[in-house]
Amino acid sequence: MTATKKLIYIFTTFKNKYHMKKLLVAFSILTFFISCTSDSGLERIPDKIDYSVENEKEITDYLTKNNLTAQKTSTGLHYIITEEGTGKQPTSQSNVTVTYKGTLTNGTVFDQNASGATFPLSKLILGWQQGLSFFKEGGSGILFVPAHLGYGSSKVENIPAGSVLIFEIKLISVN
């Protein structure tokens, strides 16, 4: 007999209100102690950490070290258009086909696709959503994505939490 069935049986067999009150108090205490058990099996979600000051310094240091001049948006995204395209510009509803290489500021390559990959722009990180709006089909450039427009305070595969992401991108087509 399960614990729930036992409790129902006990409740239905007690006719006396006095015994019922005692049982209700005991049941409440038992419920309280069960709810206080350890939740060590739960994974703690890290608090959101603001990396904007460190990321901005990291990006400007990288640009200076590599003698690069970039445009900066109000959201903190830095970008360089290295080749103007002549085709359509993507919107948030576009599917984009791109080749790309993603690196950290220390040069570690974390992802790349040289043959062309197609994505719905609305499903990509905010840095891509914002940055690709400056590209036209056939164009290429570099995005310097601070953590709050990338993966934030989450570690994703081999990308440490709070990382600045650098993407060299060629926009092949917009659908």
C-alpha atoms as a PDB file:
ATOM      1  CA  MET A   1       0.000   0.000   0.000  1.00  0.00           C
ATOM      2  CA  THR A   2       1.458   3.405  -0.969  1.00  0.00           C
ATOM      3  CA  ALA A   3       1.945   6.197   1.530  1.00  0.00           C
ATOM      4  CA  THR A   4      -0.860   8.225  -0.041  1.00  0.00           C
ATOM      5  CA  LYS A   5      -3.307   5.324   0.192  1.00  0.00           C
ATOM      6  CA  LYS A   6      -2.317   4.762   3.831  1.00  0.00           C
ATOM      7  CA  LEU A   7      -3.005   8.411   4.649  1.00  0.00           C
ATOM      8  CA  ILE A   8      -6.398   8.290   2.939  1.00  0.00           C
ATOM      9  CA  TYR A   9      -7.251   5.122   4.867  1.00  0.00           C
ATOM     10  CA  ILE A  10      -6.229   6.737   8.154  1.00  0.00           C
ATOM     11  CA  PHE A  11      -8.253   9.888   7.413  1.00  0.00           C
ATOM     12  CA  THR A  12     -11.363   7.891   6.541  1.00  0.00           C
ATOM     13  CA  THR A  13     -11.141   5.654   9.612  1.00  0.00           C
ATOM     14  CA  PHE A  14     -10.852   8.465  12.152  1.00  0.00           C
ATOM     15  CA  LYS A  15     -14.308   9.574  13.237  1.00  0.00           C
ATOM     16  CA  ASN A  16     -13.239  11.600  16.213  1.00  0.00           C
ATOM     17  CA  LYS A  17     -12.398  15.271  15.452  1.00  0.00           C
ATOM     18  CA  TYR A  18      -9.752  15.289  18.172  1.00  0.00           C
ATOM     19  CA  HIS A  19      -7.804  12.475  16.508  1.00  0.00           C
ATOM     20  CA  MET A  20      -8.302  14.080  13.114  1.00  0.00           C
ATOM     21  CA  LYS A  21      -6.778  17.376  14.347  1.00  0.00           C
ATOM     22  CA  LYS A  22      -3.771  15.532  15.805  1.00  0.00           C
ATOM     23  CA  LEU A  23      -3.311  13.676  12.543  1.00  0.00           C
ATOM     24  CA  LEU A  24      -3.579  16.897  10.520  1.00  0.00           C
ATOM     25  CA  VAL A  25      -0.900  18.556  12.691  1.00  0.00           C
ATOM     26  CA  ALA A  26       1.373  15.519  12.331  1.00  0.00           C
ATOM     27  CA  PHE A  27       0.834  15.469   8.570  1.00  0.00           C
ATOM     28  CA  SER A  28       1.649  19.215   8.324  1.00  0.00           C
ATOM     29  CA  ILE A  29       4.868  18.749  10.299  1.00  0.00           C
ATOM     30  CA  LEU A  30       5.863  15.795   8.134  1.00  0.00           C
ATOM     31  CA  THR A  31       5.199  17.826   4.970  1.00  0.00           C
ATOM     32  CA  PHE A  32       7.311  20.689   6.322  1.00  0.00           C
ATOM     33  CA  PHE A  33      10.304  18.447   7.033  1.00  0.00           C
ATOM     34  CA  ILE A  34      10.057  16.723   3.654  1.00  0.00           C
ATOM     35  CA  SER A  35      10.085  20.114   1.926  1.00  0.00           C
ATOM     36  CA  CYS A  36      13.258  21.046   3.824  1.00  0.00           C
ATOM     37  CA  THR A  37      15.305  18.199   2.383  1.00  0.00           C
ATOM     38  CA  SER A  38      18.446  18.935   0.418  1.00  0.00           C
ATOM     39  CA  ASP A  39      18.164  20.083  -3.200  1.00  0.00           C
ATOM     40  CA  SER A  40      21.811  19.265  -3.937  1.00  0.00           C
ATOM     41  CA  GLY A  41      20.769  17.393  -7.079  1.00  0.00           C
ATOM     42  CA  LEU A  42      19.641  20.636  -8.681  1.00  0.00           C
ATOM     43  CA  GLU A  43      22.074  22.519 -10.891  1.00  0.00           C
ATOM     44  CA  ARG A  44      22.479  26.123  -9.832  1.00  0.00           C
ATOM     45  CA  ILE A  45      22.026  28.631 -12.613  1.00  0.00           C
ATOM     46  CA  PRO A  46      24.744  31.272 -12.298  1.00  0.00           C
ATOM     47  CA  ASP A  47      23.705  34.843 -11.661  1.00  0.00           C
ATOM     48  CA  LYS A  48      23.923  37.169 -14.635  1.00  0.00           C
ATOM     49  CA  ILE A  49      27.297  38.878 -14.508  1.00  0.00           C
ATOM     50  CA  ASP A  50      27.966  42.206 -16.227  1.00  0.00           C
ATOM     51  CA  TYR A  51      31.132  41.856 -18.301  1.00  0.00           C
ATOM     52  CA  SER A  52      30.575  45.057 -20.305  1.00  0.00           C
ATOM     53  CA  VAL A  53      33.487  47.073 -18.870  1.00  0.00           C
ATOM     54  CA  GLU A  54      35.995  44.214 -19.200  1.00  0.00           C
ATOM     55  CA  ASN A  55      34.670  43.282 -22.656  1.00  0.00           C
ATOM     56  CA  GLU A  56      34.931  46.856 -23.943  1.00  0.00           C
ATOM     57  CA  LYS A  57      38.553  47.068 -22.780  1.00  0.00           C
ATOM     58  CA  GLU A  58      39.307  43.658 -24.293  1.00  0.00           C
ATOM     59  CA  ILE A  59      37.837  44.704 -27.648  1.00  0.00           C
ATOM     60  CA  THR A  60      39.583  48.093 -27.771  1.00  0.00           C
ATOM     61  CA  ASP A  61      42.904  46.508 -26.745  1.00  0.00           C
ATOM     62  CA  TYR A  62      42.490  43.895 -29.503  1.00  0.00           C
ATOM     63  CA  LEU A  63      41.674  46.566 -32.098  1.00  0.00           C
ATOM     64  CA  THR A  64      44.674  48.670 -31.043  1.00  0.00           C
ATOM     65  CA  LYS A  65      47.065  45.701 -30.973  1.00  0.00           C
ATOM     66  CA  ASN A  66      45.950  44.632 -34.463  1.00  0.00           C
ATOM     67  CA  ASN A  67      45.814  48.192 -35.866  1.00  0.00           C
ATOM     68  CA  LEU A  68      42.104  47.909 -36.705  1.00  0.00           C
ATOM     69  CA  THR A  69      39.428  50.596 -36.800  1.00  0.00           C
ATOM     70  CA  ALA A  70      35.882  49.506 -36.094  1.00  0.00           C
ATOM     71  CA  GLN A  71      32.462  51.099 -35.860  1.00  0.00           C
ATOM     72  CA  LYS A  72      30.672  50.767 -32.530  1.00  0.00           C
ATOM     73  CA  THR A  73      26.932  50.498 -31.973  1.00  0.00           C
ATOM     74  CA  SER A  74      25.027  51.827 -28.969  1.00  0.00           C
ATOM     75  CA  THR A  75      24.763  48.233 -27.676  1.00  0.00           C
ATOM     76  CA  GLY A  76      28.546  47.749 -27.547  1.00  0.00           C
ATOM     77  CA  LEU A  77      28.927  45.686 -30.731  1.00  0.00           C
ATOM     78  CA  HIS A  78      31.996  46.607 -32.774  1.00  0.00           C
ATOM     79  CA  TYR A  79      32.115  45.791 -36.482  1.00  0.00           C
ATOM     80  CA  ILE A  80      34.268  46.264 -39.551  1.00  0.00           C
ATOM     81  CA  ILE A  81      32.914  45.936 -43.088  1.00  0.00           C
ATOM     82  CA  THR A  82      35.890  44.627 -45.087  1.00  0.00           C
ATOM     83  CA  GLU A  83      34.032  44.185 -48.375  1.00  0.00           C
ATOM     84  CA  GLU A  84      30.843  46.002 -49.315  1.00  0.00           C
ATOM     85  CA  GLY A  85      28.210  43.718 -50.724  1.00  0.00           C
ATOM     86  CA  THR A  86      25.827  44.674 -53.500  1.00  0.00           C
ATOM     87  CA  GLY A  87      22.794  42.537 -52.695  1.00  0.00           C
ATOM     88  CA  LYS A  88      20.003  42.564 -50.129  1.00  0.00           C
ATOM     89  CA  GLN A  89      20.472  43.384 -46.467  1.00  0.00           C
ATOM     90  CA  PRO A  90      19.025  40.863 -44.021  1.00  0.00           C
ATOM     91  CA  THR A  91      16.129  41.642 -41.721  1.00  0.00           C
ATOM     92  CA  SER A  92      15.271  39.885 -38.485  1.00  0.00           C
ATOM     93  CA  GLN A  93      12.987  37.547 -40.476  1.00  0.00           C
ATOM     94  CA  SER A  94      15.675  36.564 -43.019  1.00  0.00           C
ATOM     95  CA  ASN A  95      17.462  33.284 -43.468  1.00  0.00           C
ATOM     96  CA  VAL A  96      21.129  33.966 -44.110  1.00  0.00           C
ATOM     97  CA  THR A  97      23.774  31.793 -45.729  1.00  0.00           C
ATOM     98  CA  VAL A  98      27.255  32.613 -44.472  1.00  0.00           C
ATOM     99  CA  THR A  99      30.783  31.366 -44.180  1.00  0.00           C
ATOM    100  CA  TYR A 100      32.373  32.267 -40.883  1.00  0.00           C
ATOM    101  CA  LYS A 101      35.160  31.717 -38.409  1.00  0.00           C
ATOM    102  CA  GLY A 102      34.643  32.342 -34.704  1.00  0.00           C
ATOM    103  CA  THR A 103      37.613  33.052 -32.462  1.00  0.00           C
ATOM    104  CA  LEU A 104      38.322  34.357 -28.996  1.00  0.00           C
ATOM    105  CA  THR A 105      40.573  37.393 -28.540  1.00  0.00           C
ATOM    106  CA  ASN A 106      43.478  35.045 -27.738  1.00  0.00           C
ATOM    107  CA  GLY A 107      43.170  33.512 -31.226  1.00  0.00           C
ATOM    108  CA  THR A 108      41.479  30.253 -30.187  1.00  0.00           C
ATOM    109  CA  VAL A 109      39.123  29.121 -32.957  1.00  0.00           C
ATOM    110  CA  PHE A 110      35.882  27.809 -31.427  1.00  0.00           C
ATOM    111  CA  ASP A 111      33.791  27.351 -34.582  1.00  0.00           C
ATOM    112  CA  GLN A 112      34.018  27.742 -38.340  1.00  0.00           C
ATOM    113  CA  ASN A 113      32.268  26.903 -41.566  1.00  0.00           C
ATOM    114  CA  ALA A 114      34.033  27.500 -44.872  1.00  0.00           C
ATOM    115  CA  SER A 115      31.441  25.832 -47.114  1.00  0.00           C
ATOM    116  CA  GLY A 116      28.411  27.943 -46.163  1.00  0.00           C
ATOM    117  CA  ALA A 117      25.771  27.425 -43.509  1.00  0.00           C
ATOM    118  CA  THR A 118      22.177  28.683 -43.556  1.00  0.00           C
ATOM    119  CA  PHE A 119      20.496  29.993 -40.411  1.00  0.00           C
ATOM    120  CA  PRO A 120      17.319  31.868 -39.513  1.00  0.00           C
ATOM    121  CA  LEU A 121      18.790  35.174 -38.322  1.00  0.00           C
ATOM    122  CA  SER A 122      16.240  35.385 -35.498  1.00  0.00           C
ATOM    123  CA  LYS A 123      17.675  32.197 -33.933  1.00  0.00           C
ATOM    124  CA  LEU A 124      21.274  33.462 -33.735  1.00  0.00           C
ATOM    125  CA  ILE A 125      22.999  35.350 -30.926  1.00  0.00           C
ATOM    126  CA  LEU A 126      22.115  39.039 -30.637  1.00  0.00           C
ATOM    127  CA  GLY A 127      25.578  40.026 -31.868  1.00  0.00           C
ATOM    128  CA  TRP A 128      24.891  38.338 -35.212  1.00  0.00           C
ATOM    129  CA  GLN A 129      21.340  39.663 -35.396  1.00  0.00           C
ATOM    130  CA  GLN A 130      22.582  43.215 -34.916  1.00  0.00           C
ATOM    131  CA  GLY A 131      25.849  42.907 -36.827  1.00  0.00           C
ATOM    132  CA  LEU A 132      24.555  41.241 -39.973  1.00  0.00           C
ATOM    133  CA  SER A 133      22.124  44.129 -40.440  1.00  0.00           C
ATOM    134  CA  PHE A 134      25.161  46.167 -41.589  1.00  0.00           C
ATOM    135  CA  PHE A 135      26.097  43.606 -44.267  1.00  0.00           C
ATOM    136  CA  LYS A 136      24.759  43.211 -47.806  1.00  0.00           C
ATOM    137  CA  GLU A 137      24.764  40.007 -49.857  1.00  0.00           C
ATOM    138  CA  GLY A 138      28.272  39.356 -51.121  1.00  0.00           C
ATOM    139  CA  GLY A 139      29.798  41.468 -48.365  1.00  0.00           C
ATOM    140  CA  SER A 140      32.141  40.448 -45.600  1.00  0.00           C
ATOM    141  CA  GLY A 141      33.364  41.800 -42.328  1.00  0.00           C
ATOM    142  CA  ILE A 142      34.280  41.191 -38.726  1.00  0.00           C
ATOM    143  CA  LEU A 143      32.022  41.329 -35.685  1.00  0.00           C
ATOM    144  CA  PHE A 144      33.430  41.914 -32.195  1.00  0.00           C
ATOM    145  CA  VAL A 145      30.671  40.622 -29.931  1.00  0.00           C
ATOM    146  CA  PRO A 146      30.700  41.435 -26.197  1.00  0.00           C
ATOM    147  CA  ALA A 147      29.365  38.749 -23.859  1.00  0.00           C
ATOM    148  CA  HIS A 148      25.942  40.346 -23.345  1.00  0.00           C
ATOM    149  CA  LEU A 149      25.312  40.004 -27.102  1.00  0.00           C
ATOM    150  CA  GLY A 150      26.824  36.509 -27.200  1.00  0.00           C
ATOM    151  CA  TYR A 151      26.567  33.812 -24.560  1.00  0.00           C
ATOM    152  CA  GLY A 152      26.697  36.080 -21.499  1.00  0.00           C
ATOM    153  CA  SER A 153      27.754  34.447 -18.249  1.00  0.00           C
ATOM    154  CA  SER A 154      27.201  30.930 -19.611  1.00  0.00           C
ATOM    155  CA  LYS A 155      30.011  28.609 -20.641  1.00  0.00           C
ATOM    156  CA  VAL A 156      29.174  27.085 -24.024  1.00  0.00           C
ATOM    157  CA  GLU A 157      31.322  24.123 -25.099  1.00  0.00           C
ATOM    158  CA  ASN A 158      34.862  25.540 -25.374  1.00  0.00           C
ATOM    159  CA  ILE A 159      33.819  29.192 -24.972  1.00  0.00           C
ATOM    160  CA  PRO A 160      34.414  30.478 -21.426  1.00  0.00           C
ATOM    161  CA  ALA A 161      31.700  32.505 -19.694  1.00  0.00           C
ATOM    162  CA  GLY A 162      31.964  36.240 -20.329  1.00  0.00           C
ATOM    163  CA  SER A 163      33.971  35.875 -23.533  1.00  0.00           C
ATOM    164  CA  VAL A 164      34.276  38.398 -26.333  1.00  0.00           C
ATOM    165  CA  LEU A 165      33.561  36.600 -29.608  1.00  0.00           C
ATOM    166  CA  ILE A 166      35.174  37.596 -32.903  1.00  0.00           C
ATOM    167  CA  PHE A 167      33.504  36.465 -36.117  1.00  0.00           C
ATOM    168  CA  GLU A 168      34.915  36.835 -39.607  1.00  0.00           C
ATOM    169  CA  ILE A 169      31.812  36.558 -41.783  1.00  0.00           C
ATOM    170  CA  LYS A 170      30.998  36.506 -45.487  1.00  0.00           C
ATOM    171  CA  LEU A 171      27.301  36.965 -46.239  1.00  0.00           C
ATOM    172  CA  ILE A 172      26.648  34.713 -49.229  1.00  0.00           C
ATOM    173  CA  SER A 173      22.884  35.103 -49.536  1.00  0.00           C
ATOM    174  CA  VAL A 174      19.752  36.439 -47.879  1.00  0.00           C
ATOM    175  CA  ASN A 175      16.424  34.596 -48.270  1.00  0.00           C
END
